[in-house]
Amino acid sequence: MGFRVDRSDIDALAVGSALLGAGGGGGPTHLRLLAQAADWPVDVVGVDELDPATPCMTVAVGGSPIVITERLPDPDQIHQAMAAVERWLGHRIPALCTLEIGGLNGLTGFVVAAGRTLVDADTMGRALSGIDQITLLVDGLPGLVVATTTGNGVGVVDQPRPAEAEAMVRAALRLSGGSGAVVIGGFTVGDLAEHACTGTVSRALSLGRRFTAAHEAPMDDLATALGGRLLAQGRIHSVLTDPVDPQIQTYQLASSDDVVHRLVTGSETLALMTDGEVISAAPNLLAVLDVRTRSVLQITDLSPAHHVAIIELAAPSWWTARPHRLRRVVPSAYGVVGLEPTVTP
């Protein structure tokens, strides 16, 4: 069922998207500022409420979250990439969805939705670091067109394989100075029902509202209010960096219950171990909160002596429905073996 989102909902959307980021996807501060200037209210429409044949596109700000925090994303770049996809396909695209609901991109669809229908869906269901992890590409949907802004233009790839899309987008973003717009077209709203994560905008908004309402509650109660469970709480005692891949880090938590918690991270949180046993792992969402401020943290925020809590939220069901999908988001997809999850239903 569709629903209306107003400017007063921006903060709830930002918090909910941060939770779905599982420590990745970039902080929402800059997109929150851009969203304030967007046209409100915005009507979000369910996939089953539109004609399945309606052309659709998915939009995002791409690149390094660190670069994005230093340079405000430009909505004109997104519109430029959207226009390039329409020129390539030869027709207007009246509907759009966000590419990545987790992290800063949870608000991107709202920033550029004016004059189009915003669909309650996305193509990741959380934050993920790879273009080749976009659901449409994982399922091999034919006819896709991927557009990415470059230093002074737009690069377009027609019907790429996932690895080709990943390579092209990364190259274009480097030309853009490390960040830019990514837009994918060539599919319909009907395709989203099978090849995307549906209901994710409403999930982000609901999580944000529940988080706000239970913000001052004990951490156990906050986790319950979010529909999740509190897995660990403690002070970061030490940080170990993988000798092969320095992006993979392990944070050891000193807790009051005499157990050893280890949080394994890449671009997002990947797994939590307690006394050497895997308690939860991707695609389950492991959100990290500051115990004192209740801020939702990015991986880049974590440091020794930081008091944190780790809350597990259920994995997007799209990823767990088929084996070829699941293997793209478990820890081994990031080169971390031996941490395969028991997925939370």
Foldseek 3Di string as FASTA:
>chain_A
DKDKDFLVLLQLLQQLQQLLQQQFAAHQPLLNVLLNPFDDTAIAAELVVDDQFQWEKAKFKDFDNVVCVVPRADVVLRVQQQVVVCVVVVHHHQEYEYAACHHNRVNVCRSPNPRHHYYQWYQQLGDDRFQLLGQCLLVQPAFKKKWWAACDHIDIDTSDHSVVNRVVNCVRCVRVVGITMMMMTGHGSNVCVQRTQGNSSVLSSCLSVLCVVCVPPPPQVSLVSNVWGWDDWAFFADKDADPVDRQWIWTWGDDPVPWIWIFIDHSRTAFIDINRHTPFGPPWRWWKAQNPNRRTHHPVVDDGRGIIIIITDAGRVSQVPDPSSVVCIHVVVVVDPDNGGDGDD
